Amino acid sequence: MRNFSVTIHEFPECFCSAVQFPQPSISGLSQITKSLFISNGVAANNKLLLSSNQITTVINVSVEVENTFYEDIQYVQVPVVDAPIARLCDFFDPIADHIHSVEMKEGRTLLHCAAGVSRSAALCLAYLMKYHAMTLLDAHTWTKSRRPIIRPNNGFWEQLIHYEFQLFGKNTMHMVNSPMGLIPDIYEKEIHLMIPL
């Protein structure tokens, strides 16, 4: 398996030294930082994946996925549905704080929802903004490079944009009108490619 390397110059706020991560994986665990991973619900219940990645905490961001509880792993439940009206923002600070506290104890956290696309990705972006001082745009660019399928729903994007403003007093992303309703501006180009004018 090839190694994916990022130098200090590309994301200086996030990592203090060059980082070596495995190639992005969709079906397994996607490593976001040295202590944070994202996956789908199936991978989150795979004992071999959890132990081989030294996961000490599993955060289940769903109502529909049941965890198999393994010894020596702490489990946290965030009961949120993947719907634009769901208030995932209520969990931005507590979950970011929890991920940080696990890292401070030399542990590793796995964030998962059903597919590892929307809910867990949104909480990951909130954590990167709060504890790695990344802008929302940089947090998204980085996380997408590690897990290409991430795509929080539009309601979660609105909440993340509001959270970015709370943290930094400015925004690097905005919601814009499109033929499909309000979308984050990073999706504008792809919408125009799908819907010819």
N, C-alpha and C. Protein backbone atom coordinates (compact mmCIF):
# COMPACT_ATOMS: atom_id res chain seq x y z
N MET A 1 0.84 -1.19 0.00
CA MET A 1 0.00 0.00 0.00
C MET A 1 0.88 1.24 0.00
N ARG A 2 0.59 2.20 -0.91
CA ARG A 2 1.39 3.42 -0.96
C ARG A 2 1.07 4.31 0.23
N ASN A 3 2.07 5.05 0.68
CA ASN A 3 1.83 6.01 1.74
C ASN A 3 1.48 7.36 1.14
N PHE A 4 0.61 8.08 1.82
CA PHE A 4 0.21 9.41 1.42
C PHE A 4 0.90 10.37 2.37
N SER A 5 1.67 11.30 1.86
CA SER A 5 2.35 12.19 2.78
C SER A 5 1.94 13.63 2.55
N VAL A 6 1.87 14.36 3.63
CA VAL A 6 1.54 15.78 3.59
C VAL A 6 2.67 16.50 4.29
N THR A 7 3.18 17.52 3.68
CA THR A 7 4.28 18.24 4.33
C THR A 7 3.72 19.37 5.17
N ILE A 8 4.53 19.86 6.04
CA ILE A 8 4.14 20.94 6.95
C ILE A 8 3.68 22.18 6.17
N HIS A 9 4.20 22.37 4.96
CA HIS A 9 3.89 23.58 4.20
C HIS A 9 2.46 23.61 3.68
N GLU A 10 1.84 22.45 3.50
CA GLU A 10 0.50 22.43 2.92
C GLU A 10 -0.59 22.79 3.92
N PHE A 11 -0.47 22.30 5.14
CA PHE A 11 -1.46 22.58 6.17
C PHE A 11 -0.76 22.94 7.47
N PRO A 12 -0.11 24.10 7.52
CA PRO A 12 0.71 24.43 8.68
C PRO A 12 -0.07 24.52 9.98
N GLU A 13 -1.35 24.98 9.93
CA GLU A 13 -2.11 25.14 11.17
C GLU A 13 -2.49 23.79 11.76
N CYS A 14 -2.61 22.78 10.90
CA CYS A 14 -3.17 21.51 11.35
C CYS A 14 -2.11 20.55 11.88
N PHE A 15 -0.97 20.52 11.25
CA PHE A 15 0.02 19.52 11.64
C PHE A 15 1.37 20.18 11.82
N CYS A 16 2.03 19.84 12.89
CA CYS A 16 3.29 20.50 13.21
C CYS A 16 4.49 19.83 12.55
N SER A 17 4.31 18.68 11.97
CA SER A 17 5.42 18.03 11.26
C SER A 17 4.84 17.22 10.12
N ALA A 18 5.70 16.74 9.25
CA ALA A 18 5.23 15.94 8.13
C ALA A 18 4.49 14.71 8.66
N VAL A 19 3.40 14.37 8.01
CA VAL A 19 2.56 13.28 8.48
C VAL A 19 2.51 12.18 7.43
N GLN A 20 2.62 10.96 7.86
CA GLN A 20 2.49 9.82 6.94
C GLN A 20 1.19 9.09 7.27
N PHE A 21 0.25 9.08 6.33
CA PHE A 21 -1.01 8.36 6.53
C PHE A 21 -1.16 7.34 5.41
N PRO A 22 -1.89 6.26 5.69
CA PRO A 22 -2.20 5.34 4.60
C PRO A 22 -3.09 6.01 3.56
N GLN A 23 -3.17 5.41 2.38
CA GLN A 23 -4.04 5.92 1.33
C GLN A 23 -5.49 5.97 1.84
N PRO A 24 -6.29 6.93 1.33
CA PRO A 24 -7.70 6.99 1.73
C PRO A 24 -8.42 5.67 1.45
N SER A 25 -9.32 5.33 2.35
CA SER A 25 -10.10 4.10 2.19
C SER A 25 -11.58 4.42 2.40
N ILE A 26 -12.43 3.90 1.54
CA ILE A 26 -13.87 4.16 1.65
C ILE A 26 -14.54 3.11 2.52
N SER A 27 -14.14 1.85 2.36
CA SER A 27 -14.81 0.78 3.09
C SER A 27 -14.25 0.59 4.50
N GLY A 28 -12.98 0.95 4.69
CA GLY A 28 -12.38 0.79 6.00
C GLY A 28 -12.45 2.07 6.81
N LEU A 29 -11.40 2.31 7.60
CA LEU A 29 -11.33 3.54 8.38
C LEU A 29 -10.51 4.57 7.61
N SER A 30 -10.99 5.79 7.57
CA SER A 30 -10.25 6.88 6.92
C SER A 30 -9.58 7.69 8.02
N GLN A 31 -8.25 7.78 7.96
CA GLN A 31 -7.51 8.50 8.99
C GLN A 31 -7.46 9.98 8.65
N ILE A 32 -7.96 10.82 9.59
CA ILE A 32 -8.04 12.26 9.37
C ILE A 32 -6.87 12.98 10.05
N THR A 33 -6.59 12.64 11.30
CA THR A 33 -5.43 13.15 12.02
C THR A 33 -4.76 11.94 12.67
N LYS A 34 -3.69 12.18 13.42
CA LYS A 34 -3.01 11.04 14.04
C LYS A 34 -3.92 10.31 15.03
N SER A 35 -4.97 10.99 15.53
CA SER A 35 -5.82 10.35 16.53
C SER A 35 -7.30 10.30 16.15
N LEU A 36 -7.66 10.70 14.93
CA LEU A 36 -9.07 10.72 14.54
C LEU A 36 -9.29 10.01 13.21
N PHE A 37 -10.30 9.15 13.20
CA PHE A 37 -10.68 8.37 12.02
C PHE A 37 -12.17 8.54 11.78
N ILE A 38 -12.60 8.32 10.52
CA ILE A 38 -14.03 8.29 10.16
C ILE A 38 -14.30 6.97 9.45
N SER A 39 -15.50 6.42 9.67
CA SER A 39 -15.88 5.22 8.91
C SER A 39 -17.40 5.14 8.82
N ASN A 40 -17.84 4.09 8.13
CA ASN A 40 -19.27 3.79 8.11
C ASN A 40 -19.60 2.86 9.29
N GLY A 41 -20.87 2.54 9.44
CA GLY A 41 -21.30 1.72 10.56
C GLY A 41 -20.77 0.30 10.54
N VAL A 42 -20.62 -0.27 9.35
CA VAL A 42 -20.12 -1.64 9.22
C VAL A 42 -18.67 -1.72 9.71
N ALA A 43 -17.84 -0.82 9.22
CA ALA A 43 -16.43 -0.81 9.62
C ALA A 43 -16.28 -0.55 11.12
N ALA A 44 -17.17 0.27 11.68
CA ALA A 44 -17.09 0.62 13.10
C ALA A 44 -17.35 -0.59 14.00
N ASN A 45 -17.97 -1.62 13.45
CA ASN A 45 -18.25 -2.83 14.21
C ASN A 45 -17.29 -3.97 13.88
N ASN A 46 -16.23 -3.66 13.17
CA ASN A 46 -15.24 -4.66 12.77
C ASN A 46 -14.11 -4.65 13.79
N LYS A 47 -14.07 -5.68 14.62
CA LYS A 47 -13.10 -5.71 15.72
C LYS A 47 -11.66 -5.64 15.24
N LEU A 48 -11.37 -6.30 14.13
CA LEU A 48 -10.00 -6.30 13.59
C LEU A 48 -9.58 -4.88 13.17
N LEU A 49 -10.49 -4.16 12.49
CA LEU A 49 -10.19 -2.79 12.08
C LEU A 49 -9.96 -1.89 13.29
N LEU A 50 -10.80 -2.05 14.31
CA LEU A 50 -10.67 -1.22 15.50
C LEU A 50 -9.35 -1.49 16.21
N SER A 51 -9.02 -2.76 16.39
CA SER A 51 -7.79 -3.08 17.12
C SER A 51 -6.54 -2.76 16.31
N SER A 52 -6.56 -3.00 14.99
CA SER A 52 -5.37 -2.74 14.20
C SER A 52 -5.08 -1.24 14.08
N ASN A 53 -6.12 -0.41 14.29
CA ASN A 53 -5.92 1.04 14.28
C ASN A 53 -5.86 1.64 15.69
N GLN A 54 -5.81 0.76 16.69
CA GLN A 54 -5.70 1.18 18.11
C GLN A 54 -6.78 2.18 18.54
N ILE A 55 -8.03 1.91 18.10
CA ILE A 55 -9.14 2.79 18.46
C ILE A 55 -9.50 2.56 19.93
N THR A 56 -9.61 3.66 20.70
CA THR A 56 -9.96 3.56 22.12
C THR A 56 -11.36 4.12 22.39
N THR A 57 -11.87 4.95 21.47
CA THR A 57 -13.20 5.54 21.63
C THR A 57 -13.93 5.48 20.30
N VAL A 58 -15.20 5.06 20.35
CA VAL A 58 -16.05 5.05 19.16
C VAL A 58 -17.21 5.99 19.41
N ILE A 59 -17.38 6.97 18.51
CA ILE A 59 -18.50 7.91 18.61
C ILE A 59 -19.47 7.61 17.47
N ASN A 60 -20.66 7.12 17.85
CA ASN A 60 -21.69 6.72 16.91
C ASN A 60 -22.65 7.88 16.70
N VAL A 61 -22.58 8.51 15.52
CA VAL A 61 -23.41 9.67 15.21
C VAL A 61 -24.61 9.21 14.38
N SER A 62 -25.47 8.42 15.00
CA SER A 62 -26.64 7.92 14.28
C SER A 62 -27.69 7.45 15.26
N VAL A 63 -28.87 7.19 14.73
CA VAL A 63 -29.91 6.55 15.52
C VAL A 63 -30.15 5.13 15.01
N GLU A 64 -29.66 4.85 13.79
CA GLU A 64 -30.01 3.57 13.15
C GLU A 64 -28.93 2.50 13.23
N VAL A 65 -27.69 2.87 13.56
CA VAL A 65 -26.62 1.88 13.62
C VAL A 65 -26.38 1.46 15.07
N GLU A 66 -26.42 0.15 15.30
CA GLU A 66 -26.13 -0.36 16.65
C GLU A 66 -24.68 -0.78 16.71
N ASN A 67 -24.02 -0.41 17.80
CA ASN A 67 -22.63 -0.82 17.97
C ASN A 67 -22.54 -2.18 18.64
N THR A 68 -21.54 -2.95 18.22
CA THR A 68 -21.12 -4.13 18.97
C THR A 68 -20.13 -3.59 19.98
N PHE A 69 -20.38 -3.82 21.26
CA PHE A 69 -19.49 -3.25 22.28
C PHE A 69 -18.32 -4.17 22.54
N TYR A 70 -17.12 -3.65 22.30
CA TYR A 70 -15.90 -4.41 22.54
C TYR A 70 -15.21 -3.90 23.80
N GLU A 71 -14.56 -4.82 24.49
CA GLU A 71 -13.85 -4.51 25.71
C GLU A 71 -12.77 -3.46 25.43
N ASP A 72 -12.51 -2.62 26.41
CA ASP A 72 -11.44 -1.60 26.33
C ASP A 72 -11.73 -0.49 25.33
N ILE A 73 -12.96 -0.39 24.85
CA ILE A 73 -13.33 0.73 23.97
C ILE A 73 -14.47 1.49 24.62
N GLN A 74 -14.32 2.81 24.66
CA GLN A 74 -15.38 3.65 25.21
C GLN A 74 -16.34 3.99 24.07
N TYR A 75 -17.64 3.93 24.34
CA TYR A 75 -18.64 4.24 23.31
C TYR A 75 -19.43 5.49 23.68
N VAL A 76 -19.62 6.37 22.70
CA VAL A 76 -20.39 7.59 22.88
C VAL A 76 -21.47 7.60 21.80
N GLN A 77 -22.70 7.93 22.19
CA GLN A 77 -23.81 7.96 21.24
C GLN A 77 -24.25 9.40 20.99
N VAL A 78 -24.34 9.77 19.72
CA VAL A 78 -24.87 11.08 19.33
C VAL A 78 -26.11 10.79 18.48
N PRO A 79 -27.29 10.79 19.12
CA PRO A 79 -28.52 10.35 18.43
C PRO A 79 -29.11 11.41 17.51
N VAL A 80 -28.54 11.52 16.30
CA VAL A 80 -28.99 12.52 15.33
C VAL A 80 -29.30 11.82 14.01
N VAL A 81 -30.42 12.22 13.39
CA VAL A 81 -30.75 11.67 12.07
C VAL A 81 -30.07 12.51 11.01
N ASP A 82 -29.87 11.92 9.82
CA ASP A 82 -29.22 12.64 8.72
C ASP A 82 -30.28 13.43 7.96
N ALA A 83 -30.76 14.50 8.59
CA ALA A 83 -31.78 15.36 7.99
C ALA A 83 -31.34 16.81 8.16
N PRO A 84 -31.56 17.65 7.13
CA PRO A 84 -31.13 19.05 7.22
C PRO A 84 -31.66 19.80 8.44
N ILE A 85 -32.82 19.39 8.96
CA ILE A 85 -33.39 20.09 10.13
C ILE A 85 -32.80 19.60 11.45
N ALA A 86 -32.06 18.50 11.45
CA ALA A 86 -31.49 17.96 12.70
C ALA A 86 -30.44 18.93 13.24
N ARG A 87 -30.45 19.11 14.57
CA ARG A 87 -29.51 20.07 15.20
C ARG A 87 -28.21 19.37 15.60
N LEU A 88 -27.40 19.09 14.61
CA LEU A 88 -26.09 18.49 14.88
C LEU A 88 -25.18 19.50 15.59
N CYS A 89 -25.45 20.79 15.37
CA CYS A 89 -24.62 21.85 15.96
C CYS A 89 -24.59 21.80 17.49
N ASP A 90 -25.63 21.22 18.10
CA ASP A 90 -25.64 21.08 19.56
C ASP A 90 -24.49 20.21 20.04
N PHE A 91 -23.94 19.40 19.14
CA PHE A 91 -22.87 18.46 19.50
C PHE A 91 -21.48 18.91 19.03
N PHE A 92 -21.40 20.04 18.29
CA PHE A 92 -20.09 20.47 17.76
C PHE A 92 -19.06 20.62 18.88
N ASP A 93 -19.38 21.42 19.89
CA ASP A 93 -18.42 21.64 20.98
C ASP A 93 -18.17 20.41 21.83
N PRO A 94 -19.25 19.76 22.35
CA PRO A 94 -18.99 18.60 23.23
C PRO A 94 -18.21 17.48 22.54
N ILE A 95 -18.50 17.20 21.26
CA ILE A 95 -17.80 16.11 20.59
C ILE A 95 -16.37 16.52 20.24
N ALA A 96 -16.17 17.76 19.79
CA ALA A 96 -14.80 18.24 19.53
C ALA A 96 -13.98 18.16 20.81
N ASP A 97 -14.57 18.59 21.92
CA ASP A 97 -13.87 18.53 23.22
C ASP A 97 -13.53 17.10 23.59
N HIS A 98 -14.46 16.19 23.33
CA HIS A 98 -14.25 14.78 23.68
C HIS A 98 -13.11 14.18 22.84
N ILE A 99 -13.13 14.44 21.53
CA ILE A 99 -12.06 13.94 20.65
C ILE A 99 -10.71 14.47 21.13
N HIS A 100 -10.69 15.75 21.49
CA HIS A 100 -9.45 16.37 21.97
C HIS A 100 -8.97 15.71 23.27
N SER A 101 -9.91 15.45 24.19
CA SER A 101 -9.51 14.85 25.47
C SER A 101 -8.98 13.43 25.28
N VAL A 102 -9.55 12.69 24.32
CA VAL A 102 -9.04 11.35 24.00
C VAL A 102 -7.61 11.46 23.48
N GLU A 103 -7.38 12.43 22.60
CA GLU A 103 -6.03 12.62 22.04
C GLU A 103 -5.04 12.98 23.14
N MET A 104 -5.45 13.81 24.09
CA MET A 104 -4.57 14.22 25.18
C MET A 104 -4.15 13.03 26.05
N LYS A 105 -4.99 11.98 26.05
CA LYS A 105 -4.67 10.77 26.82
C LYS A 105 -4.01 9.71 25.94
N GLU A 106 -3.51 10.15 24.75
CA GLU A 106 -2.84 9.24 23.82
C GLU A 106 -3.79 8.20 23.22
N GLY A 107 -5.10 8.49 23.22
CA GLY A 107 -6.07 7.56 22.64
C GLY A 107 -6.38 7.91 21.19
N ARG A 108 -7.22 7.09 20.58
CA ARG A 108 -7.65 7.32 19.20
C ARG A 108 -9.16 7.18 19.09
N THR A 109 -9.76 8.09 18.35
CA THR A 109 -11.22 8.15 18.21
C THR A 109 -11.65 7.76 16.81
N LEU A 110 -12.73 6.97 16.75
CA LEU A 110 -13.40 6.68 15.48
C LEU A 110 -14.76 7.36 15.52
N LEU A 111 -15.00 8.26 14.57
CA LEU A 111 -16.31 8.90 14.38
C LEU A 111 -17.02 8.13 13.28
N HIS A 112 -18.23 7.69 13.52
CA HIS A 112 -18.95 7.03 12.42
C HIS A 112 -20.43 7.36 12.45
N CYS A 113 -21.05 7.24 11.28
CA CYS A 113 -22.51 7.30 11.18
C CYS A 113 -22.90 6.08 10.36
N ALA A 114 -23.91 6.15 9.53
CA ALA A 114 -24.28 4.97 8.74
C ALA A 114 -23.30 4.75 7.60
N ALA A 115 -23.01 5.84 6.85
CA ALA A 115 -22.15 5.70 5.67
C ALA A 115 -20.80 6.40 5.81
N GLY A 116 -20.64 7.23 6.86
CA GLY A 116 -19.40 7.99 6.98
C GLY A 116 -19.32 9.08 5.93
N VAL A 117 -20.47 9.70 5.64
CA VAL A 117 -20.54 10.70 4.57
C VAL A 117 -21.00 12.06 5.10
N SER A 118 -22.05 12.09 5.91
CA SER A 118 -22.67 13.36 6.29
C SER A 118 -22.46 13.73 7.76
N ARG A 119 -23.07 12.97 8.68
CA ARG A 119 -23.04 13.33 10.10
C ARG A 119 -21.65 13.28 10.71
N SER A 120 -20.95 12.15 10.53
CA SER A 120 -19.61 12.03 11.11
C SER A 120 -18.65 13.02 10.45
N ALA A 121 -18.82 13.26 9.14
CA ALA A 121 -17.96 14.22 8.44
C ALA A 121 -18.16 15.63 8.99
N ALA A 122 -19.42 16.00 9.25
CA ALA A 122 -19.70 17.34 9.77
C ALA A 122 -19.06 17.54 11.15
N LEU A 123 -19.15 16.52 12.01
CA LEU A 123 -18.53 16.64 13.33
C LEU A 123 -17.01 16.69 13.23
N CYS A 124 -16.46 15.99 12.26
CA CYS A 124 -15.02 16.02 12.01
C CYS A 124 -14.59 17.44 11.61
N LEU A 125 -15.35 18.08 10.73
CA LEU A 125 -15.02 19.44 10.29
C LEU A 125 -15.08 20.42 11.46
N ALA A 126 -16.08 20.25 12.33
CA ALA A 126 -16.19 21.12 13.51
C ALA A 126 -14.97 20.94 14.41
N TYR A 127 -14.56 19.71 14.60
CA TYR A 127 -13.37 19.43 15.43
C TYR A 127 -12.11 20.07 14.83
N LEU A 128 -11.91 19.92 13.53
CA LEU A 128 -10.72 20.48 12.89
C LEU A 128 -10.69 22.00 13.00
N MET A 129 -11.86 22.63 12.91
CA MET A 129 -11.91 24.08 13.07
C MET A 129 -11.55 24.48 14.50
N LYS A 130 -12.14 23.78 15.46
CA LYS A 130 -11.94 24.18 16.87
C LYS A 130 -10.55 23.86 17.38
N TYR A 131 -10.04 22.67 17.09
CA TYR A 131 -8.78 22.25 17.72
C TYR A 131 -7.55 22.29 16.82
N HIS A 132 -7.75 22.49 15.51
CA HIS A 132 -6.61 22.60 14.62
C HIS A 132 -6.60 23.96 13.91
N ALA A 133 -7.50 24.86 14.37
CA ALA A 133 -7.57 26.23 13.84
C ALA A 133 -7.64 26.28 12.32
N MET A 134 -8.29 25.28 11.74
CA MET A 134 -8.46 25.26 10.28
C MET A 134 -9.73 26.00 9.92
N THR A 135 -9.70 26.69 8.78
CA THR A 135 -10.95 27.28 8.28
C THR A 135 -11.86 26.13 7.85
N LEU A 136 -13.13 26.44 7.66
CA LEU A 136 -14.06 25.41 7.21
C LEU A 136 -13.65 24.90 5.83
N LEU A 137 -13.22 25.80 4.96
CA LEU A 137 -12.79 25.39 3.62
C LEU A 137 -11.58 24.46 3.69
N ASP A 138 -10.58 24.81 4.50
CA ASP A 138 -9.40 23.95 4.63
C ASP A 138 -9.73 22.62 5.29
N ALA A 139 -10.61 22.66 6.29
CA ALA A 139 -11.01 21.42 6.98
C ALA A 139 -11.71 20.49 5.99
N HIS A 140 -12.57 21.06 5.14
CA HIS A 140 -13.26 20.25 4.14
C HIS A 140 -12.28 19.69 3.11
N THR A 141 -11.38 20.55 2.62
CA THR A 141 -10.40 20.11 1.62
C THR A 141 -9.55 18.96 2.17
N TRP A 142 -9.10 19.11 3.41
CA TRP A 142 -8.26 18.08 4.03
C TRP A 142 -9.05 16.78 4.23
N THR A 143 -10.25 16.89 4.83
CA THR A 143 -11.03 15.68 5.13
C THR A 143 -11.43 14.96 3.85
N LYS A 144 -11.78 15.73 2.81
CA LYS A 144 -12.16 15.12 1.53
C LYS A 144 -10.96 14.41 0.89
N SER A 145 -9.76 14.91 1.13
CA SER A 145 -8.56 14.23 0.59
C SER A 145 -8.33 12.90 1.31
N ARG A 146 -8.80 12.80 2.53
CA ARG A 146 -8.65 11.56 3.31
C ARG A 146 -9.83 10.62 3.11
N ARG A 147 -11.02 11.19 2.87
CA ARG A 147 -12.25 10.39 2.65
C ARG A 147 -13.07 11.07 1.56
N PRO A 148 -12.81 10.72 0.30
CA PRO A 148 -13.40 11.45 -0.84
C PRO A 148 -14.92 11.47 -0.88
N ILE A 149 -15.59 10.57 -0.19
CA ILE A 149 -17.07 10.51 -0.29
C ILE A 149 -17.79 11.44 0.68
N ILE A 150 -17.08 12.20 1.50
CA ILE A 150 -17.80 13.04 2.47
C ILE A 150 -18.68 14.05 1.77
N ARG A 151 -19.87 14.26 2.32
CA ARG A 151 -20.80 15.27 1.79
C ARG A 151 -21.89 15.53 2.83
N PRO A 152 -21.60 16.39 3.82
CA PRO A 152 -22.64 16.72 4.80
C PRO A 152 -23.88 17.29 4.10
N ASN A 153 -25.06 17.04 4.69
CA ASN A 153 -26.27 17.59 4.07
C ASN A 153 -26.28 19.12 4.21
N ASN A 154 -27.13 19.79 3.43
CA ASN A 154 -27.12 21.25 3.37
C ASN A 154 -27.43 21.91 4.71
N GLY A 155 -28.28 21.28 5.52
CA GLY A 155 -28.57 21.82 6.85
C GLY A 155 -27.33 21.81 7.74
N PHE A 156 -26.55 20.73 7.65
CA PHE A 156 -25.31 20.65 8.43
C PHE A 156 -24.30 21.67 7.93
N TRP A 157 -24.27 21.92 6.61
CA TRP A 157 -23.38 22.95 6.07
C TRP A 157 -23.72 24.31 6.66
N GLU A 158 -25.02 24.64 6.70
CA GLU A 158 -25.43 25.93 7.28
C GLU A 158 -24.96 26.04 8.72
N GLN A 159 -25.10 24.94 9.49
CA GLN A 159 -24.68 24.94 10.89
C GLN A 159 -23.16 25.09 11.01
N LEU A 160 -22.41 24.44 10.10
CA LEU A 160 -20.94 24.54 10.12
C LEU A 160 -20.48 25.96 9.76
N ILE A 161 -21.15 26.58 8.79
CA ILE A 161 -20.81 27.94 8.39
C ILE A 161 -21.04 28.90 9.56
N HIS A 162 -22.15 28.70 10.27
CA HIS A 162 -22.44 29.52 11.45
C HIS A 162 -21.38 29.29 12.54
N TYR A 163 -20.98 28.04 12.71
CA TYR A 163 -19.97 27.68 13.72
C TYR A 163 -18.62 28.30 13.37
N GLU A 164 -18.25 28.28 12.09
CA GLU A 164 -17.00 28.90 11.67
C GLU A 164 -17.00 30.38 12.03
N PHE A 165 -18.13 31.04 11.81
CA PHE A 165 -18.21 32.47 12.14
C PHE A 165 -18.10 32.68 13.65
N GLN A 166 -18.73 31.80 14.42
CA GLN A 166 -18.62 31.87 15.89
C GLN A 166 -17.17 31.77 16.35
N LEU A 167 -16.43 30.85 15.73
CA LEU A 167 -15.05 30.60 16.13
C LEU A 167 -14.09 31.69 15.68
N PHE A 168 -14.24 32.15 14.43
CA PHE A 168 -13.22 33.02 13.83
C PHE A 168 -13.71 34.42 13.45
N GLY A 169 -15.03 34.66 13.52
CA GLY A 169 -15.55 35.98 13.16
C GLY A 169 -15.58 36.25 11.67
N LYS A 170 -15.37 35.21 10.87
CA LYS A 170 -15.44 35.36 9.40
C LYS A 170 -15.75 33.99 8.79
N ASN A 171 -16.11 33.99 7.51
CA ASN A 171 -16.44 32.74 6.83
C ASN A 171 -15.60 32.55 5.58
N THR A 172 -15.23 31.28 5.33
CA THR A 172 -14.51 30.93 4.10
C THR A 172 -15.44 30.21 3.13
N MET A 173 -16.66 29.89 3.59
CA MET A 173 -17.65 29.25 2.73
C MET A 173 -18.99 29.93 2.97
N HIS A 174 -19.87 29.84 1.95
CA HIS A 174 -21.18 30.47 2.05
C HIS A 174 -22.22 29.58 1.39
N MET A 175 -23.47 29.73 1.80
CA MET A 175 -24.57 29.06 1.12
C MET A 175 -25.01 29.95 -0.03
N VAL A 176 -25.23 29.37 -1.21
CA VAL A 176 -25.64 30.14 -2.38
C VAL A 176 -26.86 29.49 -3.02
N ASN A 177 -27.63 30.30 -3.75
CA ASN A 177 -28.80 29.78 -4.46
C ASN A 177 -28.36 28.98 -5.67
N SER A 178 -29.09 27.90 -5.94
CA SER A 178 -28.82 27.08 -7.12
C SER A 178 -30.15 26.51 -7.60
N PRO A 179 -30.16 25.88 -8.78
CA PRO A 179 -31.40 25.24 -9.24
C PRO A 179 -31.90 24.15 -8.28
N MET A 180 -31.02 23.70 -7.39
CA MET A 180 -31.42 22.67 -6.42
C MET A 180 -31.62 23.26 -5.03
N GLY A 181 -31.80 24.57 -4.93
CA GLY A 181 -31.98 25.23 -3.63
C GLY A 181 -30.65 25.74 -3.10
N LEU A 182 -30.63 26.04 -1.80
CA LEU A 182 -29.40 26.55 -1.18
C LEU A 182 -28.37 25.43 -1.06
N ILE A 183 -27.15 25.72 -1.52
CA ILE A 183 -26.07 24.75 -1.44
C ILE A 183 -24.79 25.49 -1.00
N PRO A 184 -23.81 24.77 -0.45
CA PRO A 184 -22.53 25.42 -0.15
C PRO A 184 -21.84 25.82 -1.46
N ASP A 185 -21.16 26.96 -1.47
CA ASP A 185 -20.57 27.45 -2.72
C ASP A 185 -19.55 26.50 -3.33
N ILE A 186 -18.96 25.60 -2.54
CA ILE A 186 -17.99 24.65 -3.12
C ILE A 186 -18.65 23.66 -4.08
N TYR A 187 -19.98 23.52 -4.01
CA TYR A 187 -20.69 22.60 -4.91
C TYR A 187 -21.24 23.29 -6.16
N GLU A 188 -21.07 24.60 -6.26
CA GLU A 188 -21.65 25.35 -7.38
C GLU A 188 -21.25 24.81 -8.75
N LYS A 189 -19.95 24.59 -8.92
CA LYS A 189 -19.43 24.16 -10.23
C LYS A 189 -20.04 22.81 -10.62
N GLU A 190 -20.11 21.90 -9.66
CA GLU A 190 -20.62 20.56 -9.99
C GLU A 190 -22.12 20.60 -10.31
N ILE A 191 -22.87 21.49 -9.65
CA ILE A 191 -24.31 21.64 -9.96
C ILE A 191 -24.48 22.16 -11.39
N HIS A 192 -23.65 23.15 -11.77
CA HIS A 192 -23.74 23.72 -13.13
C HIS A 192 -23.38 22.68 -14.19
N LEU A 193 -22.47 21.76 -13.85
CA LEU A 193 -22.11 20.71 -14.80
C LEU A 193 -23.26 19.71 -14.96
N MET A 194 -24.01 19.49 -13.86
CA MET A 194 -25.13 18.54 -13.91
C MET A 194 -26.34 19.12 -14.61
N ILE A 195 -26.56 20.43 -14.42
CA ILE A 195 -27.75 21.07 -14.97
C ILE A 195 -27.33 22.12 -15.99
N PRO A 196 -27.39 21.78 -17.28
CA PRO A 196 -26.99 22.76 -18.30
C PRO A 196 -27.91 23.97 -18.28
N LEU A 197 -27.33 25.16 -18.45
CA LEU A 197 -28.14 26.39 -18.41
C LEU A 197 -28.82 26.63 -19.75
